[in-house]
PDB file of N, CA and C in Angstrom:
ATOM      1  N   MET A   1       0.285   6.126  17.442  1.00  0.00           N
ATOM      2  CA  MET A   1       0.179   4.811  16.832  1.00  0.00           C
ATOM      3  C   MET A   1      -0.422   4.973  15.434  1.00  0.00           C
ATOM      4  N   ALA A   2       0.193   4.342  14.448  1.00  0.00           N
ATOM      5  CA  ALA A   2      -0.219   4.476  13.053  1.00  0.00           C
ATOM      6  C   ALA A   2      -0.978   3.241  12.582  1.00  0.00           C
ATOM      7  N   THR A   3      -1.721   3.435  11.499  1.00  0.00           N
ATOM      8  CA  THR A   3      -2.424   2.350  10.840  1.00  0.00           C
ATOM      9  C   THR A   3      -1.920   2.259   9.408  1.00  0.00           C
ATOM     10  N   VAL A   4      -1.497   1.062   8.997  1.00  0.00           N
ATOM     11  CA  VAL A   4      -0.977   0.835   7.655  1.00  0.00           C
ATOM     12  C   VAL A   4      -1.884  -0.164   6.953  1.00  0.00           C
ATOM     13  N   LEU A   5      -2.312   0.198   5.748  1.00  0.00           N
ATOM     14  CA  LEU A   5      -3.136  -0.665   4.913  1.00  0.00           C
ATOM     15  C   LEU A   5      -2.236  -1.385   3.915  1.00  0.00           C
ATOM     16  N   ILE A   6      -2.359  -2.709   3.871  1.00  0.00           N
ATOM     17  CA  ILE A   6      -1.581  -3.534   2.940  1.00  0.00           C
ATOM     18  C   ILE A   6      -2.570  -4.293   2.070  1.00  0.00           C
ATOM     19  N   VAL A   7      -2.439  -4.125   0.745  1.00  0.00           N
ATOM     20  CA  VAL A   7      -3.366  -4.774  -0.181  1.00  0.00           C
ATOM     21  C   VAL A   7      -2.578  -5.496  -1.261  1.00  0.00           C
ATOM     22  N   ASP A   8      -2.740  -6.798  -1.322  1.00  0.00           N
ATOM     23  CA  ASP A   8      -2.057  -7.609  -2.336  1.00  0.00           C
ATOM     24  C   ASP A   8      -2.836  -8.896  -2.506  1.00  0.00           C
ATOM     25  N   ASP A   9      -3.002  -9.350  -3.737  1.00  0.00           N
ATOM     26  CA  ASP A   9      -3.721 -10.598  -3.951  1.00  0.00           C
ATOM     27  C   ASP A   9      -2.858 -11.812  -3.627  1.00  0.00           C
ATOM     28  N   SER A  10      -1.560 -11.625  -3.449  1.00  0.00           N
ATOM     29  CA  SER A  10      -0.658 -12.712  -3.071  1.00  0.00           C
ATOM     30  C   SER A  10      -0.588 -12.814  -1.554  1.00  0.00           C
ATOM     31  N   ARG A  11      -0.993 -13.958  -1.033  1.00  0.00           N
ATOM     32  CA  ARG A  11      -0.940 -14.186   0.424  1.00  0.00           C
ATOM     33  C   ARG A  11       0.491 -14.051   0.932  1.00  0.00           C
ATOM     34  N   LEU A  12       1.443 -14.577   0.185  1.00  0.00           N
ATOM     35  CA  LEU A  12       2.846 -14.503   0.595  1.00  0.00           C
ATOM     36  C   LEU A  12       3.300 -13.050   0.713  1.00  0.00           C
ATOM     37  N   ALA A  13       2.979 -12.236  -0.289  1.00  0.00           N
ATOM     38  CA  ALA A  13       3.374 -10.821  -0.245  1.00  0.00           C
ATOM     39  C   ALA A  13       2.706 -10.104   0.919  1.00  0.00           C
ATOM     40  N   ARG A  14       1.407 -10.352   1.124  1.00  0.00           N
ATOM     41  CA  ARG A  14       0.701  -9.720   2.263  1.00  0.00           C
ATOM     42  C   ARG A  14       1.372 -10.099   3.570  1.00  0.00           C
ATOM     43  N   ASP A  15       1.659 -11.380   3.722  1.00  0.00           N
ATOM     44  CA  ASP A  15       2.266 -11.853   4.970  1.00  0.00           C
ATOM     45  C   ASP A  15       3.659 -11.255   5.169  1.00  0.00           C
ATOM     46  N   MET A  16       4.433 -11.172   4.089  1.00  0.00           N
ATOM     47  CA  MET A  16       5.792 -10.629   4.206  1.00  0.00           C
ATOM     48  C   MET A  16       5.764  -9.155   4.596  1.00  0.00           C
ATOM     49  N   VAL A  17       4.944  -8.363   3.910  1.00  0.00           N
ATOM     50  CA  VAL A  17       4.890  -6.926   4.207  1.00  0.00           C
ATOM     51  C   VAL A  17       4.340  -6.701   5.609  1.00  0.00           C
ATOM     52  N   SER A  18       3.296  -7.418   5.953  1.00  0.00           N
ATOM     53  CA  SER A  18       2.703  -7.299   7.283  1.00  0.00           C
ATOM     54  C   SER A  18       3.727  -7.647   8.365  1.00  0.00           C
ATOM     55  N   SER A  19       4.473  -8.703   8.131  1.00  0.00           N
ATOM     56  CA  SER A  19       5.493  -9.129   9.091  1.00  0.00           C
ATOM     57  C   SER A  19       6.581  -8.063   9.256  1.00  0.00           C
ATOM     58  N   VAL A  20       6.996  -7.457   8.146  1.00  0.00           N
ATOM     59  CA  VAL A  20       8.023  -6.411   8.220  1.00  0.00           C
ATOM     60  C   VAL A  20       7.498  -5.206   8.994  1.00  0.00           C
ATOM     61  N   VAL A  21       6.295  -4.748   8.653  1.00  0.00           N
ATOM     62  CA  VAL A  21       5.736  -3.580   9.345  1.00  0.00           C
ATOM     63  C   VAL A  21       5.594  -3.873  10.833  1.00  0.00           C
ATOM     64  N   THR A  22       5.093  -5.052  11.174  1.00  0.00           N
ATOM     65  CA  THR A  22       4.906  -5.424  12.578  1.00  0.00           C
ATOM     66  C   THR A  22       6.241  -5.535  13.314  1.00  0.00           C
ATOM     67  N   SER A  23       7.269  -6.049  12.633  1.00  0.00           N
ATOM     68  CA  SER A  23       8.576  -6.163  13.289  1.00  0.00           C
ATOM     69  C   SER A  23       9.200  -4.784  13.525  1.00  0.00           C
ATOM     70  N   LEU A  24       8.959  -3.858  12.588  1.00  0.00           N
ATOM     71  CA  LEU A  24       9.499  -2.503  12.751  1.00  0.00           C
ATOM     72  C   LEU A  24       8.716  -1.690  13.779  1.00  0.00           C
ATOM     73  N   HIS A  25       7.395  -1.904  13.826  1.00  0.00           N
ATOM     74  CA  HIS A  25       6.516  -1.108  14.686  1.00  0.00           C
ATOM     75  C   HIS A  25       5.431  -1.998  15.287  1.00  0.00           C
ATOM     76  N   PRO A  26       5.765  -2.757  16.330  1.00  0.00           N
ATOM     77  CA  PRO A  26       4.815  -3.716  16.895  1.00  0.00           C
ATOM     78  C   PRO A  26       3.536  -3.091  17.450  1.00  0.00           C
ATOM     79  N   ASP A  27       3.554  -1.793  17.743  1.00  0.00           N
ATOM     80  CA  ASP A  27       2.375  -1.147  18.314  1.00  0.00           C
ATOM     81  C   ASP A  27       1.432  -0.586  17.252  1.00  0.00           C
ATOM     82  N   TRP A  28       1.785  -0.664  15.969  1.00  0.00           N
ATOM     83  CA  TRP A  28       0.943  -0.148  14.909  1.00  0.00           C
ATOM     84  C   TRP A  28      -0.169  -1.123  14.547  1.00  0.00           C
ATOM     85  N   THR A  29      -1.220  -0.592  13.975  1.00  0.00           N
ATOM     86  CA  THR A  29      -2.311  -1.416  13.456  1.00  0.00           C
ATOM     87  C   THR A  29      -2.037  -1.690  11.985  1.00  0.00           C
ATOM     88  N   VAL A  30      -2.124  -2.950  11.595  1.00  0.00           N
ATOM     89  CA  VAL A  30      -1.921  -3.344  10.207  1.00  0.00           C
ATOM     90  C   VAL A  30      -3.230  -3.924   9.689  1.00  0.00           C
ATOM     91  N   LEU A  31      -3.772  -3.294   8.643  1.00  0.00           N
ATOM     92  CA  LEU A  31      -4.981  -3.765   7.987  1.00  0.00           C
ATOM     93  C   LEU A  31      -4.555  -4.479   6.710  1.00  0.00           C
ATOM     94  N   VAL A  32      -5.011  -5.706   6.525  1.00  0.00           N
ATOM     95  CA  VAL A  32      -4.570  -6.516   5.396  1.00  0.00           C
ATOM     96  C   VAL A  32      -5.771  -6.924   4.567  1.00  0.00           C
ATOM     97  N   ALA A  33      -5.669  -6.694   3.242  1.00  0.00           N
ATOM     98  CA  ALA A  33      -6.747  -7.057   2.329  1.00  0.00           C
ATOM     99  C   ALA A  33      -6.168  -7.756   1.101  1.00  0.00           C
ATOM    100  N   SER A  34      -6.969  -8.646   0.509  1.00  0.00           N
ATOM    101  CA  SER A  34      -6.523  -9.385  -0.672  1.00  0.00           C
ATOM    102  C   SER A  34      -6.968  -8.731  -1.976  1.00  0.00           C
ATOM    103  N   GLY A  35      -7.720  -7.637  -1.878  1.00  0.00           N
ATOM    104  CA  GLY A  35      -8.172  -6.952  -3.080  1.00  0.00           C
ATOM    105  C   GLY A  35      -8.738  -5.586  -2.761  1.00  0.00           C
ATOM    106  N   GLY A  36      -9.064  -4.848  -3.822  1.00  0.00           N
ATOM    107  CA  GLY A  36      -9.517  -3.473  -3.670  1.00  0.00           C
ATOM    108  C   GLY A  36     -10.819  -3.317  -2.911  1.00  0.00           C
ATOM    109  N   ALA A  37     -11.826  -4.131  -3.248  1.00  0.00           N
ATOM    110  CA  ALA A  37     -13.118  -4.011  -2.578  1.00  0.00           C
ATOM    111  C   ALA A  37     -12.995  -4.295  -1.083  1.00  0.00           C
ATOM    112  N   GLU A  38     -12.226  -5.316  -0.744  1.00  0.00           N
ATOM    113  CA  GLU A  38     -12.011  -5.649   0.667  1.00  0.00           C
ATOM    114  C   GLU A  38     -11.282  -4.509   1.380  1.00  0.00           C
ATOM    115  N   ALA A  39     -10.308  -3.904   0.708  1.00  0.00           N
ATOM    116  CA  ALA A  39      -9.559  -2.793   1.296  1.00  0.00           C
ATOM    117  C   ALA A  39     -10.470  -1.613   1.595  1.00  0.00           C
ATOM    118  N   LEU A  40     -11.347  -1.287   0.660  1.00  0.00           N
ATOM    119  CA  LEU A  40     -12.260  -0.163   0.867  1.00  0.00           C
ATOM    120  C   LEU A  40     -13.209  -0.428   2.021  1.00  0.00           C
ATOM    121  N   THR A  41     -13.620  -1.666   2.188  1.00  0.00           N
ATOM    122  CA  THR A  41     -14.467  -2.030   3.328  1.00  0.00           C
ATOM    123  C   THR A  41     -13.687  -1.897   4.639  1.00  0.00           C
ATOM    124  N   LEU A  42     -12.430  -2.332   4.633  1.00  0.00           N
ATOM    125  CA  LEU A  42     -11.601  -2.263   5.849  1.00  0.00           C
ATOM    126  C   LEU A  42     -11.390  -0.844   6.353  1.00  0.00           C
ATOM    127  N   VAL A  43     -11.323   0.123   5.447  1.00  0.00           N
ATOM    128  CA  VAL A  43     -11.038   1.492   5.877  1.00  0.00           C
ATOM    129  C   VAL A  43     -12.299   2.298   6.191  1.00  0.00           C
ATOM    130  N   GLU A  44     -13.461   1.670   6.074  1.00  0.00           N
ATOM    131  CA  GLU A  44     -14.699   2.355   6.480  1.00  0.00           C
ATOM    132  C   GLU A  44     -14.578   2.741   7.951  1.00  0.00           C
ATOM    133  N   GLY A  45     -14.723   4.009   8.244  1.00  0.00           N
ATOM    134  CA  GLY A  45     -14.653   4.466   9.627  1.00  0.00           C
ATOM    135  C   GLY A  45     -13.250   4.526  10.201  1.00  0.00           C
ATOM    136  N   ARG A  46     -12.238   4.295   9.385  1.00  0.00           N
ATOM    137  CA  ARG A  46     -10.843   4.344   9.824  1.00  0.00           C
ATOM    138  C   ARG A  46     -10.065   5.252   8.884  1.00  0.00           C
ATOM    139  N   THR A  47      -8.972   5.783   9.391  1.00  0.00           N
ATOM    140  CA  THR A  47      -8.101   6.596   8.555  1.00  0.00           C
ATOM    141  C   THR A  47      -6.704   5.991   8.580  1.00  0.00           C
ATOM    142  N   PRO A  48      -6.311   5.327   7.508  1.00  0.00           N
ATOM    143  CA  PRO A  48      -4.944   4.793   7.471  1.00  0.00           C
ATOM    144  C   PRO A  48      -3.932   5.923   7.351  1.00  0.00           C
ATOM    145  N   HIS A  49      -2.734   5.668   7.850  1.00  0.00           N
ATOM    146  CA  HIS A  49      -1.648   6.646   7.785  1.00  0.00           C
ATOM    147  C   HIS A  49      -0.731   6.399   6.591  1.00  0.00           C
ATOM    148  N   ALA A  50      -0.815   5.199   6.020  1.00  0.00           N
ATOM    149  CA  ALA A  50      -0.044   4.837   4.831  1.00  0.00           C
ATOM    150  C   ALA A  50      -0.695   3.608   4.214  1.00  0.00           C
ATOM    151  N   ALA A  51      -0.481   3.437   2.903  1.00  0.00           N
ATOM    152  CA  ALA A  51      -1.015   2.265   2.206  1.00  0.00           C
ATOM    153  C   ALA A  51       0.047   1.704   1.272  1.00  0.00           C
ATOM    154  N   ILE A  52       0.194   0.394   1.318  1.00  0.00           N
ATOM    155  CA  ILE A  52       1.102  -0.325   0.429  1.00  0.00           C
ATOM    156  C   ILE A  52       0.224  -1.217  -0.435  1.00  0.00           C
ATOM    157  N   LEU A  53       0.225  -0.944  -1.739  1.00  0.00           N
ATOM    158  CA  LEU A  53      -0.708  -1.572  -2.656  1.00  0.00           C
ATOM    159  C   LEU A  53       0.017  -2.351  -3.740  1.00  0.00           C
ATOM    160  N   ASP A  54      -0.545  -3.497  -4.087  1.00  0.00           N
ATOM    161  CA  ASP A  54      -0.097  -4.222  -5.262  1.00  0.00           C
ATOM    162  C   ASP A  54      -0.731  -3.546  -6.471  1.00  0.00           C
ATOM    163  N   TYR A  55      -0.045  -3.564  -7.605  1.00  0.00           N
ATOM    164  CA  TYR A  55      -0.636  -2.997  -8.805  1.00  0.00           C
ATOM    165  C   TYR A  55      -1.478  -4.041  -9.537  1.00  0.00           C
ATOM    166  N   ASN A  56      -0.902  -5.215  -9.783  1.00  0.00           N
ATOM    167  CA  ASN A  56      -1.579  -6.261 -10.544  1.00  0.00           C
ATOM    168  C   ASN A  56      -2.450  -7.107  -9.631  1.00  0.00           C
ATOM    169  N   MET A  57      -3.748  -6.800  -9.628  1.00  0.00           N
ATOM    170  CA  MET A  57      -4.707  -7.593  -8.849  1.00  0.00           C
ATOM    171  C   MET A  57      -5.927  -7.830  -9.714  1.00  0.00           C
ATOM    172  N   PRO A  58      -6.584  -8.976  -9.544  1.00  0.00           N
ATOM    173  CA  PRO A  58      -7.815  -9.216 -10.295  1.00  0.00           C
ATOM    174  C   PRO A  58      -8.926  -8.274  -9.825  1.00  0.00           C
ATOM    175  N   GLY A  59      -9.851  -7.977 -10.713  1.00  0.00           N
ATOM    176  CA  GLY A  59     -10.928  -7.065 -10.355  1.00  0.00           C
ATOM    177  C   GLY A  59     -10.396  -5.644 -10.379  1.00  0.00           C
ATOM    178  N   MET A  60     -10.395  -5.016  -9.236  1.00  0.00           N
ATOM    179  CA  MET A  60      -9.915  -3.639  -9.102  1.00  0.00           C
ATOM    180  C   MET A  60      -8.386  -3.648  -9.006  1.00  0.00           C
ATOM    181  N   ASP A  61      -7.710  -3.046  -9.980  1.00  0.00           N
ATOM    182  CA  ASP A  61      -6.248  -3.016  -9.901  1.00  0.00           C
ATOM    183  C   ASP A  61      -5.790  -1.932  -8.922  1.00  0.00           C
ATOM    184  N   GLY A  62      -4.515  -1.877  -8.694  1.00  0.00           N
ATOM    185  CA  GLY A  62      -3.976  -0.939  -7.719  1.00  0.00           C
ATOM    186  C   GLY A  62      -4.213   0.516  -8.051  1.00  0.00           C
ATOM    187  N   LEU A  63      -4.181   0.867  -9.342  1.00  0.00           N
ATOM    188  CA  LEU A  63      -4.433   2.260  -9.724  1.00  0.00           C
ATOM    189  C   LEU A  63      -5.863   2.678  -9.403  1.00  0.00           C
ATOM    190  N   GLU A  64      -6.805   1.800  -9.703  1.00  0.00           N
ATOM    191  CA  GLU A  64      -8.205   2.117  -9.402  1.00  0.00           C
ATOM    192  C   GLU A  64      -8.404   2.257  -7.892  1.00  0.00           C
ATOM    193  N   LEU A  65      -7.825   1.328  -7.144  1.00  0.00           N
ATOM    194  CA  LEU A  65      -7.917   1.399  -5.688  1.00  0.00           C
ATOM    195  C   LEU A  65      -7.273   2.687  -5.181  1.00  0.00           C
ATOM    196  N   ALA A  66      -6.116   3.043  -5.711  1.00  0.00           N
ATOM    197  CA  ALA A  66      -5.437   4.271  -5.287  1.00  0.00           C
ATOM    198  C   ALA A  66      -6.316   5.488  -5.547  1.00  0.00           C
ATOM    199  N   GLY A  67      -7.032   5.492  -6.640  1.00  0.00           N
ATOM    200  CA  GLY A  67      -7.939   6.589  -6.936  1.00  0.00           C
ATOM    201  C   GLY A  67      -9.040   6.726  -5.903  1.00  0.00           C
ATOM    202  N   HIS A  68      -9.624   5.583  -5.517  1.00  0.00           N
ATOM    203  CA  HIS A  68     -10.664   5.589  -4.476  1.00  0.00           C
ATOM    204  C   HIS A  68     -10.091   6.067  -3.142  1.00  0.00           C
ATOM    205  N   LEU A  69      -8.903   5.556  -2.796  1.00  0.00           N
ATOM    206  CA  LEU A  69      -8.285   5.948  -1.528  1.00  0.00           C
ATOM    207  C   LEU A  69      -7.915   7.432  -1.533  1.00  0.00           C
ATOM    208  N   ARG A  70      -7.409   7.928  -2.658  1.00  0.00           N
ATOM    209  CA  ARG A  70      -7.028   9.337  -2.751  1.00  0.00           C
ATOM    210  C   ARG A  70      -8.255  10.232  -2.571  1.00  0.00           C
ATOM    211  N   ALA A  71      -9.392   9.818  -3.131  1.00  0.00           N
ATOM    212  CA  ALA A  71     -10.627  10.603  -2.985  1.00  0.00           C
ATOM    213  C   ALA A  71     -11.063  10.667  -1.525  1.00  0.00           C
ATOM    214  N   ARG A  72     -10.886   9.579  -0.796  1.00  0.00           N
ATOM    215  CA  ARG A  72     -11.281   9.541   0.621  1.00  0.00           C
ATOM    216  C   ARG A  72     -10.259  10.167   1.538  1.00  0.00           C
ATOM    217  N   PHE A  73      -8.994   9.940   1.223  1.00  0.00           N
ATOM    218  CA  PHE A  73      -7.892  10.365   2.096  1.00  0.00           C
ATOM    219  C   PHE A  73      -6.871  11.137   1.250  1.00  0.00           C
ATOM    220  N   PRO A  74      -7.114  12.416   1.002  1.00  0.00           N
ATOM    221  CA  PRO A  74      -6.277  13.190   0.073  1.00  0.00           C
ATOM    222  C   PRO A  74      -4.779  13.214   0.416  1.00  0.00           C
ATOM    223  N   ALA A  75      -4.425  13.104   1.675  1.00  0.00           N
ATOM    224  CA  ALA A  75      -3.013  13.191   2.060  1.00  0.00           C
ATOM    225  C   ALA A  75      -2.374  11.823   2.322  1.00  0.00           C
ATOM    226  N   LEU A  76      -3.074  10.738   2.026  1.00  0.00           N
ATOM    227  CA  LEU A  76      -2.580   9.394   2.338  1.00  0.00           C
ATOM    228  C   LEU A  76      -1.338   9.051   1.518  1.00  0.00           C
ATOM    229  N   PRO A  77      -0.213   8.745   2.170  1.00  0.00           N
ATOM    230  CA  PRO A  77       0.958   8.261   1.439  1.00  0.00           C
ATOM    231  C   PRO A  77       0.681   6.839   0.935  1.00  0.00           C
ATOM    232  N   MET A  78       0.880   6.629  -0.365  1.00  0.00           N
ATOM    233  CA  MET A  78       0.649   5.311  -0.959  1.00  0.00           C
ATOM    234  C   MET A  78       1.856   4.894  -1.771  1.00  0.00           C
ATOM    235  N   GLY A  79       2.179   3.617  -1.696  1.00  0.00           N
ATOM    236  CA  GLY A  79       3.268   3.062  -2.484  1.00  0.00           C
ATOM    237  C   GLY A  79       2.817   1.793  -3.166  1.00  0.00           C
ATOM    238  N   PHE A  80       3.167   1.663  -4.443  1.00  0.00           N
ATOM    239  CA  PHE A  80       2.878   0.440  -5.184  1.00  0.00           C
ATOM    240  C   PHE A  80       4.017  -0.539  -4.997  1.00  0.00           C
ATOM    241  N   LEU A  81       3.674  -1.713  -4.515  1.00  0.00           N
ATOM    242  CA  LEU A  81       4.626  -2.803  -4.361  1.00  0.00           C
ATOM    243  C   LEU A  81       4.534  -3.633  -5.636  1.00  0.00           C
ATOM    244  N   THR A  82       5.513  -3.472  -6.514  1.00  0.00           N
ATOM    245  CA  THR A  82       5.418  -4.152  -7.804  1.00  0.00           C
ATOM    246  C   THR A  82       6.785  -4.301  -8.451  1.00  0.00           C
ATOM    247  N   ALA A  83       6.893  -5.298  -9.287  1.00  0.00           N
ATOM    248  CA  ALA A  83       8.081  -5.459 -10.123  1.00  0.00           C
ATOM    249  C   ALA A  83       7.815  -4.839 -11.492  1.00  0.00           C
ATOM    250  N   ASN A  84       6.578  -4.421 -11.729  1.00  0.00           N
ATOM    251  CA  ASN A  84       6.120  -3.912 -13.019  1.00  0.00           C
ATOM    252  C   ASN A  84       6.137  -2.385 -13.019  1.00  0.00           C
ATOM    253  N   VAL A  85       7.307  -1.784 -13.196  1.00  0.00           N
ATOM    254  CA  VAL A  85       7.408  -0.326 -13.171  1.00  0.00           C
ATOM    255  C   VAL A  85       7.641   0.179 -14.601  1.00  0.00           C
ATOM    256  N   GLN A  86       6.595   0.096 -15.419  1.00  0.00           N
ATOM    257  CA  GLN A  86       6.667   0.611 -16.783  1.00  0.00           C
ATOM    258  C   GLN A  86       6.407   2.107 -16.754  1.00  0.00           C
ATOM    259  N   GLU A  87       6.886   2.804 -17.767  1.00  0.00           N
ATOM    260  CA  GLU A  87       6.774   4.256 -17.807  1.00  0.00           C
ATOM    261  C   GLU A  87       5.320   4.732 -17.737  1.00  0.00           C
ATOM    262  N   SER A  88       4.416   4.043 -18.428  1.00  0.00           N
ATOM    263  CA  SER A  88       3.001   4.457 -18.410  1.00  0.00           C
ATOM    264  C   SER A  88       2.404   4.312 -17.010  1.00  0.00           C
ATOM    265  N   LEU A  89       2.752   3.228 -16.323  1.00  0.00           N
ATOM    266  CA  LEU A  89       2.277   3.032 -14.947  1.00  0.00           C
ATOM    267  C   LEU A  89       2.872   4.094 -14.042  1.00  0.00           C
ATOM    268  N   LYS A  90       4.144   4.380 -14.223  1.00  0.00           N
ATOM    269  CA  LYS A  90       4.822   5.374 -13.385  1.00  0.00           C
ATOM    270  C   LYS A  90       4.129   6.735 -13.486  1.00  0.00           C
ATOM    271  N   LYS A  91       3.774   7.151 -14.703  1.00  0.00           N
ATOM    272  CA  LYS A  91       3.112   8.440 -14.898  1.00  0.00           C
ATOM    273  C   LYS A  91       1.736   8.467 -14.234  1.00  0.00           C
ATOM    274  N   LYS A  92       0.976   7.392 -14.393  1.00  0.00           N
ATOM    275  CA  LYS A  92      -0.361   7.323 -13.787  1.00  0.00           C
ATOM    276  C   LYS A  92      -0.254   7.329 -12.263  1.00  0.00           C
ATOM    277  N   ALA A  93       0.709   6.585 -11.735  1.00  0.00           N
ATOM    278  CA  ALA A  93       0.891   6.522 -10.283  1.00  0.00           C
ATOM    279  C   ALA A  93       1.323   7.885  -9.734  1.00  0.00           C
ATOM    280  N   GLU A  94       2.233   8.540 -10.421  1.00  0.00           N
ATOM    281  CA  GLU A  94       2.693   9.852  -9.974  1.00  0.00           C
ATOM    282  C   GLU A  94       1.559  10.874 -10.008  1.00  0.00           C
ATOM    283  N   ALA A  95       0.654  10.751 -10.986  1.00  0.00           N
ATOM    284  CA  ALA A  95      -0.497  11.661 -11.062  1.00  0.00           C
ATOM    285  C   ALA A  95      -1.405  11.495  -9.841  1.00  0.00           C
ATOM    286  N   LEU A  96      -1.413  10.303  -9.263  1.00  0.00           N
ATOM    287  CA  LEU A  96      -2.193  10.042  -8.050  1.00  0.00           C
ATOM    288  C   LEU A  96      -1.381  10.293  -6.784  1.00  0.00           C
ATOM    289  N   GLY A  97      -0.127  10.695  -6.935  1.00  0.00           N
ATOM    290  CA  GLY A  97       0.720  10.941  -5.777  1.00  0.00           C
ATOM    291  C   GLY A  97       1.237   9.671  -5.125  1.00  0.00           C
ATOM    292  N   CYS A  98       1.392   8.620  -5.912  1.00  0.00           N
ATOM    293  CA  CYS A  98       1.861   7.332  -5.386  1.00  0.00           C
ATOM    294  C   CYS A  98       3.317   7.100  -5.747  1.00  0.00           C
ATOM    295  N   GLY A  99       4.029   6.488  -4.822  1.00  0.00           N
ATOM    296  CA  GLY A  99       5.405   6.095  -5.073  1.00  0.00           C
ATOM    297  C   GLY A  99       5.488   4.616  -5.393  1.00  0.00           C
ATOM    298  N   PHE A 100       6.701   4.110  -5.432  1.00  0.00           N
ATOM    299  CA  PHE A 100       6.927   2.703  -5.729  1.00  0.00           C
ATOM    300  C   PHE A 100       7.816   2.065  -4.679  1.00  0.00           C
ATOM    301  N   ILE A 101       7.518   0.806  -4.390  1.00  0.00           N
ATOM    302  CA  ILE A 101       8.358  -0.034  -3.543  1.00  0.00           C
ATOM    303  C   ILE A 101       8.679  -1.240  -4.417  1.00  0.00           C
ATOM    304  N   PRO A 102       9.857  -1.268  -5.032  1.00  0.00           N
ATOM    305  CA  PRO A 102      10.151  -2.342  -5.978  1.00  0.00           C
ATOM    306  C   PRO A 102      10.301  -3.697  -5.293  1.00  0.00           C
ATOM    307  N   LYS A 103       9.710  -4.717  -5.920  1.00  0.00           N
ATOM    308  CA  LYS A 103       9.911  -6.086  -5.448  1.00  0.00           C
ATOM    309  C   LYS A 103      11.310  -6.504  -5.857  1.00  0.00           C
ATOM    310  N   PRO A 104      11.963  -7.378  -5.141  1.00  0.00           N
ATOM    311  CA  PRO A 104      11.473  -8.162  -4.003  1.00  0.00           C
ATOM    312  C   PRO A 104      11.353  -7.323  -2.730  1.00  0.00           C
ATOM    313  N   ILE A 105      10.489  -7.785  -1.862  1.00  0.00           N
ATOM    314  CA  ILE A 105      10.213  -7.110  -0.594  1.00  0.00           C
ATOM    315  C   ILE A 105      11.417  -7.274   0.336  1.00  0.00           C
ATOM    316  N   THR A 106      11.846  -6.138   0.905  1.00  0.00           N
ATOM    317  CA  THR A 106      12.893  -6.191   1.933  1.00  0.00           C
ATOM    318  C   THR A 106      12.508  -5.251   3.068  1.00  0.00           C
ATOM    319  N   THR A 107      13.070  -5.498   4.217  1.00  0.00           N
ATOM    320  CA  THR A 107      12.827  -4.639   5.370  1.00  0.00           C
ATOM    321  C   THR A 107      13.273  -3.212   5.074  1.00  0.00           C
ATOM    322  N   ASP A 108      14.422  -3.054   4.429  1.00  0.00           N
ATOM    323  CA  ASP A 108      14.929  -1.709   4.135  1.00  0.00           C
ATOM    324  C   ASP A 108      13.996  -0.930   3.221  1.00  0.00           C
ATOM    325  N   LYS A 109      13.408  -1.583   2.231  1.00  0.00           N
ATOM    326  CA  LYS A 109      12.501  -0.905   1.305  1.00  0.00           C
ATOM    327  C   LYS A 109      11.214  -0.458   2.024  1.00  0.00           C
ATOM    328  N   ILE A 110      10.683  -1.322   2.877  1.00  0.00           N
ATOM    329  CA  ILE A 110       9.462  -0.974   3.628  1.00  0.00           C
ATOM    330  C   ILE A 110       9.781   0.136   4.624  1.00  0.00           C
ATOM    331  N   ARG A 111      10.904   0.026   5.309  1.00  0.00           N
ATOM    332  CA  ARG A 111      11.325   1.067   6.266  1.00  0.00           C
ATOM    333  C   ARG A 111      11.467   2.411   5.554  1.00  0.00           C
ATOM    334  N   ALA A 112      12.096   2.416   4.376  1.00  0.00           N
ATOM    335  CA  ALA A 112      12.305   3.653   3.621  1.00  0.00           C
ATOM    336  C   ALA A 112      10.963   4.251   3.189  1.00  0.00           C
ATOM    337  N   PHE A 113      10.029   3.428   2.740  1.00  0.00           N
ATOM    338  CA  PHE A 113       8.714   3.943   2.353  1.00  0.00           C
ATOM    339  C   PHE A 113       8.015   4.572   3.550  1.00  0.00           C
ATOM    340  N   LEU A 114       8.009   3.884   4.684  1.00  0.00           N
ATOM    341  CA  LEU A 114       7.344   4.398   5.875  1.00  0.00           C
ATOM    342  C   LEU A 114       7.995   5.702   6.351  1.00  0.00           C
ATOM    343  N   ALA A 115       9.311   5.760   6.305  1.00  0.00           N
ATOM    344  CA  ALA A 115      10.014   6.984   6.700  1.00  0.00           C
ATOM    345  C   ALA A 115       9.673   8.119   5.734  1.00  0.00           C
ATOM    346  N   GLY A 116       9.621   7.812   4.444  1.00  0.00           N
ATOM    347  CA  GLY A 116       9.248   8.822   3.456  1.00  0.00           C
ATOM    348  C   GLY A 116       7.811   9.297   3.617  1.00  0.00           C
ATOM    349  N   ALA A 117       6.988   8.439   4.217  1.00  0.00           N
ATOM    350  CA  ALA A 117       5.593   8.785   4.491  1.00  0.00           C
ATOM    351  C   ALA A 117       5.463   9.599   5.784  1.00  0.00           C
ATOM    352  N   GLY A 118       6.585   9.827   6.440  1.00  0.00           N
ATOM    353  CA  GLY A 118       6.562  10.596   7.680  1.00  0.00           C
ATOM    354  C   GLY A 118       6.195   9.793   8.897  1.00  0.00           C
ATOM    355  N   LEU A 119       6.310   8.470   8.772  1.00  0.00           N
ATOM    356  CA  LEU A 119       5.943   7.599   9.905  1.00  0.00           C
ATOM    357  C   LEU A 119       7.181   7.032  10.587  1.00  0.00           C
TER     358      LEU A 119
END
C-alpha cells in the first residue's frame, strides 16, 4: 500500500487529484495539504511514496517545498502539477529530480506519473 502526498493551494485541484488517485488505487493513503508548511507537517513520521505538488502557491512555492522533501526523502518521486512550464522552472525542477504533470488534470496524466514513479 502506497502513500501519495498532494499539495495545492486550489481546493478544486486537490480534490480532483485526490479523487483520481483514490479511484485508481482505493487502498492507498492520500495525504492532502493546501501549502508547503502543512505538507511538511503531514509527512512527519511518514514516508510518502510519491508527491504531486503545485508550483504556484503562496508562502512556500513548490520548488522550495520540493527541496525540503528531497532533503528528507532522497528517492521520493515528485511531479509538479502546473500549466506554468517555463524553461527556467523546468531546469530548477529537473535539478531537484522533479517531473511535470501538465494541467489540466486528467486520469491518464496522474496514472502515467504514478506508473513512472514505480507505483
